[in-house]
Amino acid sequence: LQINRLIKQKKLTQVKVAKLLDIDQP
């Protein structure tokens, strides 16, 4: 929940999040 709040707050796309977290988009 906290991770998803941060992603939403920072207005990051799933592609950007995937790169940042070093995981794939799915």
mmCIF file of all heavy atoms, coordinates in Angstrom:
data_MODEL
# 
_entry.id   MODEL 
# 
loop_
_atom_site.group_PDB 
_atom_site.id 
_atom_site.type_symbol 
_atom_site.label_atom_id 
_atom_site.label_alt_id 
_atom_site.label_comp_id 
_atom_site.label_asym_id 
_atom_site.label_entity_id 
_atom_site.label_seq_id 
_atom_site.pdbx_PDB_ins_code 
_atom_site.Cartn_x 
_atom_site.Cartn_y 
_atom_site.Cartn_z 
_atom_site.occupancy 
_atom_site.B_iso_or_equiv 
_atom_site.pdbx_formal_charge 
_atom_site.auth_seq_id 
_atom_site.auth_comp_id 
_atom_site.auth_asym_id 
_atom_site.auth_atom_id 
_atom_site.pdbx_PDB_model_num 
ATOM 1   N N   . LEU A 1 1  ? 0.839  -1.201 0.000   1.00 0.00 ? 1  LEU A N   1 
ATOM 2   C CA  . LEU A 1 1  ? 0.000  0.000  0.000   1.00 0.00 ? 1  LEU A CA  1 
ATOM 3   C C   . LEU A 1 1  ? 0.873  1.249  0.000   1.00 0.00 ? 1  LEU A C   1 
ATOM 4   O O   . LEU A 1 1  ? 0.648  2.186  -0.770  1.00 0.00 ? 1  LEU A O   1 
ATOM 5   C CB  . LEU A 1 1  ? -0.925 -0.002 1.223   1.00 0.00 ? 1  LEU A CB  1 
ATOM 6   C CG  . LEU A 1 1  ? -1.761 1.254  1.443   1.00 0.00 ? 1  LEU A CG  1 
ATOM 7   C CD1 . LEU A 1 1  ? -2.785 1.409  0.332   1.00 0.00 ? 1  LEU A CD1 1 
ATOM 8   C CD2 . LEU A 1 1  ? -2.452 1.197  2.796   1.00 0.00 ? 1  LEU A CD2 1 
ATOM 9   N N   . GLN A 1 2  ? 1.911  1.252  0.837   1.00 0.00 ? 2  GLN A N   1 
ATOM 10  C CA  . GLN A 1 2  ? 2.808  2.403  0.903   1.00 0.00 ? 2  GLN A CA  1 
ATOM 11  C C   . GLN A 1 2  ? 3.566  2.577  -0.412  1.00 0.00 ? 2  GLN A C   1 
ATOM 12  O O   . GLN A 1 2  ? 3.727  3.693  -0.899  1.00 0.00 ? 2  GLN A O   1 
ATOM 13  C CB  . GLN A 1 2  ? 3.790  2.256  2.077   1.00 0.00 ? 2  GLN A CB  1 
ATOM 14  C CG  . GLN A 1 2  ? 4.718  3.430  2.267   1.00 0.00 ? 2  GLN A CG  1 
ATOM 15  C CD  . GLN A 1 2  ? 4.002  4.706  2.685   1.00 0.00 ? 2  GLN A CD  1 
ATOM 16  O OE1 . GLN A 1 2  ? 2.804  4.719  2.945   1.00 0.00 ? 2  GLN A OE1 1 
ATOM 17  N NE2 . GLN A 1 2  ? 4.722  5.791  2.746   1.00 0.00 ? 2  GLN A NE2 1 
ATOM 18  N N   . ILE A 1 3  ? 4.030  1.483  -0.992  1.00 0.00 ? 3  ILE A N   1 
ATOM 19  C CA  . ILE A 1 3  ? 4.736  1.552  -2.281  1.00 0.00 ? 3  ILE A CA  1 
ATOM 20  C C   . ILE A 1 3  ? 3.816  2.155  -3.337  1.00 0.00 ? 3  ILE A C   1 
ATOM 21  O O   . ILE A 1 3  ? 4.215  3.067  -4.072  1.00 0.00 ? 3  ILE A O   1 
ATOM 22  C CB  . ILE A 1 3  ? 5.228  0.149  -2.703  1.00 0.00 ? 3  ILE A CB  1 
ATOM 23  C CG1 . ILE A 1 3  ? 6.351  -0.314 -1.763  1.00 0.00 ? 3  ILE A CG1 1 
ATOM 24  C CG2 . ILE A 1 3  ? 5.692  0.145  -4.155  1.00 0.00 ? 3  ILE A CG2 1 
ATOM 25  C CD1 . ILE A 1 3  ? 6.665  -1.796 -1.847  1.00 0.00 ? 3  ILE A CD1 1 
ATOM 26  N N   . ASN A 1 4  ? 2.589  1.677  -3.398  1.00 0.00 ? 4  ASN A N   1 
ATOM 27  C CA  . ASN A 1 4  ? 1.647  2.172  -4.396  1.00 0.00 ? 4  ASN A CA  1 
ATOM 28  C C   . ASN A 1 4  ? 1.262  3.636  -4.153  1.00 0.00 ? 4  ASN A C   1 
ATOM 29  O O   . ASN A 1 4  ? 1.071  4.394  -5.100  1.00 0.00 ? 4  ASN A O   1 
ATOM 30  C CB  . ASN A 1 4  ? 0.419  1.267  -4.468  1.00 0.00 ? 4  ASN A CB  1 
ATOM 31  C CG  . ASN A 1 4  ? 0.738  -0.051 -5.140  1.00 0.00 ? 4  ASN A CG  1 
ATOM 32  O OD1 . ASN A 1 4  ? 1.328  -0.074 -6.218  1.00 0.00 ? 4  ASN A OD1 1 
ATOM 33  N ND2 . ASN A 1 4  ? 0.371  -1.146 -4.512  1.00 0.00 ? 4  ASN A ND2 1 
ATOM 34  N N   . ARG A 1 5  ? 1.181  4.039  -2.893  1.00 0.00 ? 5  ARG A N   1 
ATOM 35  C CA  . ARG A 1 5  ? 0.923  5.457  -2.586  1.00 0.00 ? 5  ARG A CA  1 
ATOM 36  C C   . ARG A 1 5  ? 2.068  6.335  -3.091  1.00 0.00 ? 5  ARG A C   1 
ATOM 37  O O   . ARG A 1 5  ? 1.846  7.402  -3.651  1.00 0.00 ? 5  ARG A O   1 
ATOM 38  C CB  . ARG A 1 5  ? 0.755  5.655  -1.081  1.00 0.00 ? 5  ARG A CB  1 
ATOM 39  C CG  . ARG A 1 5  ? -0.558 5.229  -0.530  1.00 0.00 ? 5  ARG A CG  1 
ATOM 40  C CD  . ARG A 1 5  ? -0.587 5.454  0.978   1.00 0.00 ? 5  ARG A CD  1 
ATOM 41  N NE  . ARG A 1 5  ? -1.858 5.076  1.555   1.00 0.00 ? 5  ARG A NE  1 
ATOM 42  C CZ  . ARG A 1 5  ? -2.064 4.953  2.852   1.00 0.00 ? 5  ARG A CZ  1 
ATOM 43  N NH1 . ARG A 1 5  ? -1.075 5.174  3.714   1.00 0.00 ? 5  ARG A NH1 1 
ATOM 44  N NH2 . ARG A 1 5  ? -3.248 4.605  3.307   1.00 0.00 ? 5  ARG A NH2 1 
ATOM 45  N N   . LEU A 1 6  ? 3.296  5.875  -2.859  1.00 0.00 ? 6  LEU A N   1 
ATOM 46  C CA  . LEU A 1 6  ? 4.466  6.636  -3.302  1.00 0.00 ? 6  LEU A CA  1 
ATOM 47  C C   . LEU A 1 6  ? 4.502  6.750  -4.826  1.00 0.00 ? 6  LEU A C   1 
ATOM 48  O O   . LEU A 1 6  ? 4.780  7.823  -5.371  1.00 0.00 ? 6  LEU A O   1 
ATOM 49  C CB  . LEU A 1 6  ? 5.757  5.981  -2.806  1.00 0.00 ? 6  LEU A CB  1 
ATOM 50  C CG  . LEU A 1 6  ? 6.029  6.100  -1.316  1.00 0.00 ? 6  LEU A CG  1 
ATOM 51  C CD1 . LEU A 1 6  ? 7.069  5.086  -0.874  1.00 0.00 ? 6  LEU A CD1 1 
ATOM 52  C CD2 . LEU A 1 6  ? 6.462  7.511  -0.971  1.00 0.00 ? 6  LEU A CD2 1 
ATOM 53  N N   . ILE A 1 7  ? 4.214  5.659  -5.508  1.00 0.00 ? 7  ILE A N   1 
ATOM 54  C CA  . ILE A 1 7  ? 4.196  5.661  -6.972  1.00 0.00 ? 7  ILE A CA  1 
ATOM 55  C C   . ILE A 1 7  ? 3.154  6.652  -7.483  1.00 0.00 ? 7  ILE A C   1 
ATOM 56  O O   . ILE A 1 7  ? 3.425  7.438  -8.391  1.00 0.00 ? 7  ILE A O   1 
ATOM 57  C CB  . ILE A 1 7  ? 3.930  4.233  -7.505  1.00 0.00 ? 7  ILE A CB  1 
ATOM 58  C CG1 . ILE A 1 7  ? 5.136  3.330  -7.214  1.00 0.00 ? 7  ILE A CG1 1 
ATOM 59  C CG2 . ILE A 1 7  ? 3.597  4.258  -8.990  1.00 0.00 ? 7  ILE A CG2 1 
ATOM 60  C CD1 . ILE A 1 7  ? 4.866  1.850  -7.413  1.00 0.00 ? 7  ILE A CD1 1 
ATOM 61  N N   . LYS A 1 8  ? 1.978  6.619  -6.881  1.00 0.00 ? 8  LYS A N   1 
ATOM 62  C CA  . LYS A 1 8  ? 0.904  7.539  -7.288  1.00 0.00 ? 8  LYS A CA  1 
ATOM 63  C C   . LYS A 1 8  ? 1.277  8.984  -6.979  1.00 0.00 ? 8  LYS A C   1 
ATOM 64  O O   . LYS A 1 8  ? 1.092  9.875  -7.793  1.00 0.00 ? 8  LYS A O   1 
ATOM 65  C CB  . LYS A 1 8  ? -0.394 7.160  -6.586  1.00 0.00 ? 8  LYS A CB  1 
ATOM 66  C CG  . LYS A 1 8  ? -1.579 7.990  -7.028  1.00 0.00 ? 8  LYS A CG  1 
ATOM 67  C CD  . LYS A 1 8  ? -2.857 7.528  -6.362  1.00 0.00 ? 8  LYS A CD  1 
ATOM 68  C CE  . LYS A 1 8  ? -4.019 8.382  -6.832  1.00 0.00 ? 8  LYS A CE  1 
ATOM 69  N NZ  . LYS A 1 8  ? -5.285 7.986  -6.184  1.00 0.00 ? 8  LYS A NZ  1 
ATOM 70  N N   . GLN A 1 9  ? 1.817  9.206  -5.781  1.00 0.00 ? 9  GLN A N   1 
ATOM 71  C CA  . GLN A 1 9  ? 2.194  10.557 -5.371  1.00 0.00 ? 9  GLN A CA  1 
ATOM 72  C C   . GLN A 1 9  ? 3.248  11.141 -6.302  1.00 0.00 ? 9  GLN A C   1 
ATOM 73  O O   . GLN A 1 9  ? 3.201  12.311 -6.653  1.00 0.00 ? 9  GLN A O   1 
ATOM 74  C CB  . GLN A 1 9  ? 2.722  10.542 -3.940  1.00 0.00 ? 9  GLN A CB  1 
ATOM 75  C CG  . GLN A 1 9  ? 3.146  11.914 -3.447  1.00 0.00 ? 9  GLN A CG  1 
ATOM 76  C CD  . GLN A 1 9  ? 3.929  11.836 -2.154  1.00 0.00 ? 9  GLN A CD  1 
ATOM 77  O OE1 . GLN A 1 9  ? 4.716  10.926 -1.953  1.00 0.00 ? 9  GLN A OE1 1 
ATOM 78  N NE2 . GLN A 1 9  ? 3.714  12.796 -1.288  1.00 0.00 ? 9  GLN A NE2 1 
ATOM 79  N N   . LYS A 1 10 ? 4.181  10.311 -6.718  1.00 0.00 ? 10 LYS A N   1 
ATOM 80  C CA  . LYS A 1 10 ? 5.274  10.767 -7.576  1.00 0.00 ? 10 LYS A CA  1 
ATOM 81  C C   . LYS A 1 10 ? 4.893  10.744 -9.057  1.00 0.00 ? 10 LYS A C   1 
ATOM 82  O O   . LYS A 1 10 ? 5.701  11.107 -9.913  1.00 0.00 ? 10 LYS A O   1 
ATOM 83  C CB  . LYS A 1 10 ? 6.519  9.910  -7.317  1.00 0.00 ? 10 LYS A CB  1 
ATOM 84  C CG  . LYS A 1 10 ? 7.038  10.065 -5.891  1.00 0.00 ? 10 LYS A CG  1 
ATOM 85  C CD  . LYS A 1 10 ? 8.106  9.046  -5.571  1.00 0.00 ? 10 LYS A CD  1 
ATOM 86  C CE  . LYS A 1 10 ? 8.495  9.037  -4.115  1.00 0.00 ? 10 LYS A CE  1 
ATOM 87  N NZ  . LYS A 1 10 ? 8.885  10.293 -3.544  1.00 0.00 ? 10 LYS A NZ  1 
ATOM 88  N N   . LYS A 1 11 ? 3.661  10.301 -9.337  1.00 0.00 ? 11 LYS A N   1 
ATOM 89  C CA  . LYS A 1 11 ? 3.123  10.272 -10.701 1.00 0.00 ? 11 LYS A CA  1 
ATOM 90  C C   . LYS A 1 11 ? 4.037  9.509  -11.654 1.00 0.00 ? 11 LYS A C   1 
ATOM 91  O O   . LYS A 1 11 ? 4.331  9.947  -12.757 1.00 0.00 ? 11 LYS A O   1 
ATOM 92  C CB  . LYS A 1 11 ? 2.848  11.687 -11.201 1.00 0.00 ? 11 LYS A CB  1 
ATOM 93  C CG  . LYS A 1 11 ? 1.831  12.424 -10.358 1.00 0.00 ? 11 LYS A CG  1 
ATOM 94  C CD  . LYS A 1 11 ? 1.613  13.838 -10.823 1.00 0.00 ? 11 LYS A CD  1 
ATOM 95  C CE  . LYS A 1 11 ? 0.635  14.520 -9.871  1.00 0.00 ? 11 LYS A CE  1 
ATOM 96  N NZ  . LYS A 1 11 ? 0.566  15.936 -10.062 1.00 0.00 ? 11 LYS A NZ  1 
ATOM 97  N N   . LEU A 1 12 ? 4.484  8.330  -11.208 1.00 0.00 ? 12 LEU A N   1 
ATOM 98  C CA  . LEU A 1 12 ? 5.368  7.499  -12.012 1.00 0.00 ? 12 LEU A CA  1 
ATOM 99  C C   . LEU A 1 12 ? 4.552  6.509  -12.841 1.00 0.00 ? 12 LEU A C   1 
ATOM 100 O O   . LEU A 1 12 ? 3.558  5.962  -12.357 1.00 0.00 ? 12 LEU A O   1 
ATOM 101 C CB  . LEU A 1 12 ? 6.330  6.718  -11.112 1.00 0.00 ? 12 LEU A CB  1 
ATOM 102 C CG  . LEU A 1 12 ? 7.277  7.541  -10.247 1.00 0.00 ? 12 LEU A CG  1 
ATOM 103 C CD1 . LEU A 1 12 ? 8.030  6.650  -9.275  1.00 0.00 ? 12 LEU A CD1 1 
ATOM 104 C CD2 . LEU A 1 12 ? 8.247  8.306  -11.121 1.00 0.00 ? 12 LEU A CD2 1 
ATOM 105 N N   . THR A 1 13 ? 4.981  6.259  -14.061 1.00 0.00 ? 13 THR A N   1 
ATOM 106 C CA  . THR A 1 13 ? 4.353  5.233  -14.878 1.00 0.00 ? 13 THR A CA  1 
ATOM 107 C C   . THR A 1 13 ? 4.885  3.871  -14.447 1.00 0.00 ? 13 THR A C   1 
ATOM 108 O O   . THR A 1 13 ? 5.939  3.778  -13.807 1.00 0.00 ? 13 THR A O   1 
ATOM 109 C CB  . THR A 1 13 ? 4.678  5.433  -16.372 1.00 0.00 ? 13 THR A CB  1 
ATOM 110 O OG1 . THR A 1 13 ? 6.095  5.248  -16.558 1.00 0.00 ? 13 THR A OG1 1 
ATOM 111 C CG2 . THR A 1 13 ? 4.259  6.820  -16.854 1.00 0.00 ? 13 THR A CG2 1 
ATOM 112 N N   . GLN A 1 14 ? 4.186  2.814  -14.836 1.00 0.00 ? 14 GLN A N   1 
ATOM 113 C CA  . GLN A 1 14 ? 4.649  1.476  -14.491 1.00 0.00 ? 14 GLN A CA  1 
ATOM 114 C C   . GLN A 1 14 ? 5.998  1.178  -15.138 1.00 0.00 ? 14 GLN A C   1 
ATOM 115 O O   . GLN A 1 14 ? 6.828  0.497  -14.552 1.00 0.00 ? 14 GLN A O   1 
ATOM 116 C CB  . GLN A 1 14 ? 3.614  0.425  -14.892 1.00 0.00 ? 14 GLN A CB  1 
ATOM 117 C CG  . GLN A 1 14 ? 2.407  0.421  -13.981 1.00 0.00 ? 14 GLN A CG  1 
ATOM 118 C CD  . GLN A 1 14 ? 1.525  -0.795 -14.173 1.00 0.00 ? 14 GLN A CD  1 
ATOM 119 O OE1 . GLN A 1 14 ? 1.769  -1.641 -15.025 1.00 0.00 ? 14 GLN A OE1 1 
ATOM 120 N NE2 . GLN A 1 14 ? 0.475  -0.872 -13.374 1.00 0.00 ? 14 GLN A NE2 1 
ATOM 121 N N   . VAL A 1 15 ? 6.238  1.719  -16.322 1.00 0.00 ? 15 VAL A N   1 
ATOM 122 C CA  . VAL A 1 15 ? 7.521  1.511  -16.998 1.00 0.00 ? 15 VAL A CA  1 
ATOM 123 C C   . VAL A 1 15 ? 8.648  2.165  -16.194 1.00 0.00 ? 15 VAL A C   1 
ATOM 124 O O   . VAL A 1 15 ? 9.707  1.575  -15.976 1.00 0.00 ? 15 VAL A O   1 
ATOM 125 C CB  . VAL A 1 15 ? 7.477  2.047  -18.445 1.00 0.00 ? 15 VAL A CB  1 
ATOM 126 C CG1 . VAL A 1 15 ? 8.849  2.008  -19.091 1.00 0.00 ? 15 VAL A CG1 1 
ATOM 127 C CG2 . VAL A 1 15 ? 6.466  1.255  -19.270 1.00 0.00 ? 15 VAL A CG2 1 
ATOM 128 N N   . LYS A 1 16 ? 8.412  3.404  -15.724 1.00 0.00 ? 16 LYS A N   1 
ATOM 129 C CA  . LYS A 1 16 ? 9.429  4.101  -14.921 1.00 0.00 ? 16 LYS A CA  1 
ATOM 130 C C   . LYS A 1 16 ? 9.662  3.380  -13.596 1.00 0.00 ? 16 LYS A C   1 
ATOM 131 O O   . LYS A 1 16 ? 10.796 3.257  -13.140 1.00 0.00 ? 16 LYS A O   1 
ATOM 132 C CB  . LYS A 1 16 ? 9.014  5.550  -14.668 1.00 0.00 ? 16 LYS A CB  1 
ATOM 133 C CG  . LYS A 1 16 ? 9.130  6.437  -15.884 1.00 0.00 ? 16 LYS A CG  1 
ATOM 134 C CD  . LYS A 1 16 ? 8.731  7.866  -15.562 1.00 0.00 ? 16 LYS A CD  1 
ATOM 135 C CE  . LYS A 1 16 ? 8.802  8.739  -16.802 1.00 0.00 ? 16 LYS A CE  1 
ATOM 136 N NZ  . LYS A 1 16 ? 8.358  10.121 -16.530 1.00 0.00 ? 16 LYS A NZ  1 
ATOM 137 N N   . VAL A 1 17 ? 8.586  2.900  -12.992 1.00 0.00 ? 17 VAL A N   1 
ATOM 138 C CA  . VAL A 1 17 ? 8.703  2.173  -11.725 1.00 0.00 ? 17 VAL A CA  1 
ATOM 139 C C   . VAL A 1 17 ? 9.505  0.891  -11.935 1.00 0.00 ? 17 VAL A C   1 
ATOM 140 O O   . VAL A 1 17 ? 10.379 0.555  -11.131 1.00 0.00 ? 17 VAL A O   1 
ATOM 141 C CB  . VAL A 1 17 ? 7.309  1.850  -11.132 1.00 0.00 ? 17 VAL A CB  1 
ATOM 142 C CG1 . VAL A 1 17 ? 7.427  0.934  -9.924  1.00 0.00 ? 17 VAL A CG1 1 
ATOM 143 C CG2 . VAL A 1 17 ? 6.579  3.129  -10.763 1.00 0.00 ? 17 VAL A CG2 1 
ATOM 144 N N   . ALA A 1 18 ? 9.236  0.197  -13.031 1.00 0.00 ? 18 ALA A N   1 
ATOM 145 C CA  . ALA A 1 18 ? 9.956  -1.043 -13.331 1.00 0.00 ? 18 ALA A CA  1 
ATOM 146 C C   . ALA A 1 18 ? 11.454 -0.783 -13.434 1.00 0.00 ? 18 ALA A C   1 
ATOM 147 O O   . ALA A 1 18 ? 12.262 -1.530 -12.880 1.00 0.00 ? 18 ALA A O   1 
ATOM 148 C CB  . ALA A 1 18 ? 9.428  -1.657 -14.623 1.00 0.00 ? 18 ALA A CB  1 
ATOM 149 N N   . LYS A 1 19 ? 11.835 0.290  -14.114 1.00 0.00 ? 19 LYS A N   1 
ATOM 150 C CA  . LYS A 1 19 ? 13.260 0.626  -14.232 1.00 0.00 ? 19 LYS A CA  1 
ATOM 151 C C   . LYS A 1 19 ? 13.852 0.982  -12.878 1.00 0.00 ? 19 LYS A C   1 
ATOM 152 O O   . LYS A 1 19 ? 14.946 0.543  -12.531 1.00 0.00 ? 19 LYS A O   1 
ATOM 153 C CB  . LYS A 1 19 ? 13.454 1.786  -15.217 1.00 0.00 ? 19 LYS A CB  1 
ATOM 154 C CG  . LYS A 1 19 ? 13.254 1.385  -16.660 1.00 0.00 ? 19 LYS A CG  1 
ATOM 155 C CD  . LYS A 1 19 ? 13.420 2.560  -17.597 1.00 0.00 ? 19 LYS A CD  1 
ATOM 156 C CE  . LYS A 1 19 ? 13.117 2.147  -19.031 1.00 0.00 ? 19 LYS A CE  1 
ATOM 157 N NZ  . LYS A 1 19 ? 13.154 3.293  -19.947 1.00 0.00 ? 19 LYS A NZ  1 
ATOM 158 N N   . LEU A 1 20 ? 13.131 1.779  -12.119 1.00 0.00 ? 20 LEU A N   1 
ATOM 159 C CA  . LEU A 1 20 ? 13.615 2.214  -10.816 1.00 0.00 ? 20 LEU A CA  1 
ATOM 160 C C   . LEU A 1 20 ? 13.792 1.038  -9.851  1.00 0.00 ? 20 LEU A C   1 
ATOM 161 O O   . LEU A 1 20 ? 14.786 0.951  -9.127  1.00 0.00 ? 20 LEU A O   1 
ATOM 162 C CB  . LEU A 1 20 ? 12.658 3.244  -10.203 1.00 0.00 ? 20 LEU A CB  1 
ATOM 163 C CG  . LEU A 1 20 ? 13.004 3.781  -8.828  1.00 0.00 ? 20 LEU A CG  1 
ATOM 164 C CD1 . LEU A 1 20 ? 14.284 4.602  -8.868  1.00 0.00 ? 20 LEU A CD1 1 
ATOM 165 C CD2 . LEU A 1 20 ? 11.865 4.615  -8.289  1.00 0.00 ? 20 LEU A CD2 1 
ATOM 166 N N   . LEU A 1 21 ? 12.829 0.110  -9.856  1.00 0.00 ? 21 LEU A N   1 
ATOM 167 C CA  . LEU A 1 21 ? 12.865 -1.023 -8.930  1.00 0.00 ? 21 LEU A CA  1 
ATOM 168 C C   . LEU A 1 21 ? 13.609 -2.225 -9.497  1.00 0.00 ? 21 LEU A C   1 
ATOM 169 O O   . LEU A 1 21 ? 13.743 -3.246 -8.817  1.00 0.00 ? 21 LEU A O   1 
ATOM 170 C CB  . LEU A 1 21 ? 11.438 -1.434 -8.547  1.00 0.00 ? 21 LEU A CB  1 
ATOM 171 C CG  . LEU A 1 21 ? 10.564 -0.365 -7.898  1.00 0.00 ? 21 LEU A CG  1 
ATOM 172 C CD1 . LEU A 1 21 ? 9.213  -0.935 -7.522  1.00 0.00 ? 21 LEU A CD1 1 
ATOM 173 C CD2 . LEU A 1 21 ? 11.237 0.290  -6.705  1.00 0.00 ? 21 LEU A CD2 1 
ATOM 174 N N   . ASP A 1 22 ? 14.070 -2.117 -10.728 1.00 0.00 ? 22 ASP A N   1 
ATOM 175 C CA  . ASP A 1 22 ? 14.817 -3.177 -11.411 1.00 0.00 ? 22 ASP A CA  1 
ATOM 176 C C   . ASP A 1 22 ? 13.998 -4.474 -11.505 1.00 0.00 ? 22 ASP A C   1 
ATOM 177 O O   . ASP A 1 22 ? 14.482 -5.565 -11.204 1.00 0.00 ? 22 ASP A O   1 
ATOM 178 C CB  . ASP A 1 22 ? 16.164 -3.422 -10.725 1.00 0.00 ? 22 ASP A CB  1 
ATOM 179 C CG  . ASP A 1 22 ? 17.129 -4.222 -11.601 1.00 0.00 ? 22 ASP A CG  1 
ATOM 180 O OD1 . ASP A 1 22 ? 17.000 -4.129 -12.837 1.00 0.00 ? 22 ASP A OD1 1 
ATOM 181 O OD2 . ASP A 1 22 ? 17.971 -4.947 -11.048 1.00 0.00 ? 22 ASP A OD2 1 
ATOM 182 N N   . ILE A 1 23 ? 12.719 -4.310 -11.884 1.00 0.00 ? 23 ILE A N   1 
ATOM 183 C CA  . ILE A 1 23 ? 11.838 -5.446 -12.130 1.00 0.00 ? 23 ILE A CA  1 
ATOM 184 C C   . ILE A 1 23 ? 11.135 -5.203 -13.459 1.00 0.00 ? 23 ILE A C   1 
ATOM 185 O O   . ILE A 1 23 ? 11.208 -4.103 -14.006 1.00 0.00 ? 23 ILE A O   1 
ATOM 186 C CB  . ILE A 1 23 ? 10.796 -5.637 -10.990 1.00 0.00 ? 23 ILE A CB  1 
ATOM 187 C CG1 . ILE A 1 23 ? 9.924  -4.393 -10.811 1.00 0.00 ? 23 ILE A CG1 1 
ATOM 188 C CG2 . ILE A 1 23 ? 11.488 -6.023 -9.696  1.00 0.00 ? 23 ILE A CG2 1 
ATOM 189 C CD1 . ILE A 1 23 ? 8.811  -4.546 -9.773  1.00 0.00 ? 23 ILE A CD1 1 
ATOM 190 N N   . ASP A 1 24 ? 10.449 -6.217 -13.970 1.00 0.00 ? 24 ASP A N   1 
ATOM 191 C CA  . ASP A 1 24 ? 9.737  -6.000 -15.230 1.00 0.00 ? 24 ASP A CA  1 
ATOM 192 C C   . ASP A 1 24 ? 8.353  -5.387 -14.952 1.00 0.00 ? 24 ASP A C   1 
ATOM 193 O O   . ASP A 1 24 ? 7.834  -5.458 -13.840 1.00 0.00 ? 24 ASP A O   1 
ATOM 194 C CB  . ASP A 1 24 ? 9.658  -7.273 -16.070 1.00 0.00 ? 24 ASP A CB  1 
ATOM 195 C CG  . ASP A 1 24 ? 8.976  -8.435 -15.366 1.00 0.00 ? 24 ASP A CG  1 
ATOM 196 O OD1 . ASP A 1 24 ? 8.324  -8.220 -14.333 1.00 0.00 ? 24 ASP A OD1 1 
ATOM 197 O OD2 . ASP A 1 24 ? 9.096  -9.567 -15.861 1.00 0.00 ? 24 ASP A OD2 1 
ATOM 198 N N   . GLN A 1 25 ? 7.777  -4.776 -15.989 1.00 0.00 ? 25 GLN A N   1 
ATOM 199 C CA  . GLN A 1 25 ? 6.512  -4.065 -15.841 1.00 0.00 ? 25 GLN A CA  1 
ATOM 200 C C   . GLN A 1 25 ? 5.365  -4.957 -15.360 1.00 0.00 ? 25 GLN A C   1 
ATOM 201 O O   . GLN A 1 25 ? 4.559  -4.515 -14.534 1.00 0.00 ? 25 GLN A O   1 
ATOM 202 C CB  . GLN A 1 25 ? 6.161  -3.356 -17.158 1.00 0.00 ? 25 GLN A CB  1 
ATOM 203 C CG  . GLN A 1 25 ? 4.902  -2.526 -17.121 1.00 0.00 ? 25 GLN A CG  1 
ATOM 204 C CD  . GLN A 1 25 ? 3.650  -3.356 -17.383 1.00 0.00 ? 25 GLN A CD  1 
ATOM 205 O OE1 . GLN A 1 25 ? 3.674  -4.310 -18.157 1.00 0.00 ? 25 GLN A OE1 1 
ATOM 206 N NE2 . GLN A 1 25 ? 2.568  -3.000 -16.717 1.00 0.00 ? 25 GLN A NE2 1 
ATOM 207 N N   . PRO A 1 26 ? 5.250  -6.217 -15.821 1.00 0.00 ? 26 PRO A N   1 
ATOM 208 C CA  . PRO A 1 26 ? 4.165  -7.054 -15.293 1.00 0.00 ? 26 PRO A CA  1 
ATOM 209 C C   . PRO A 1 26 ? 4.226  -7.256 -13.776 1.00 0.00 ? 26 PRO A C   1 
ATOM 210 O O   . PRO A 1 26 ? 3.195  -7.343 -13.119 1.00 0.00 ? 26 PRO A O   1 
ATOM 211 C CB  . PRO A 1 26 ? 4.350  -8.384 -16.036 1.00 0.00 ? 26 PRO A CB  1 
ATOM 212 C CG  . PRO A 1 26 ? 4.995  -7.993 -17.327 1.00 0.00 ? 26 PRO A CG  1 
ATOM 213 C CD  . PRO A 1 26 ? 5.928  -6.865 -16.954 1.00 0.00 ? 26 PRO A CD  1 
# 
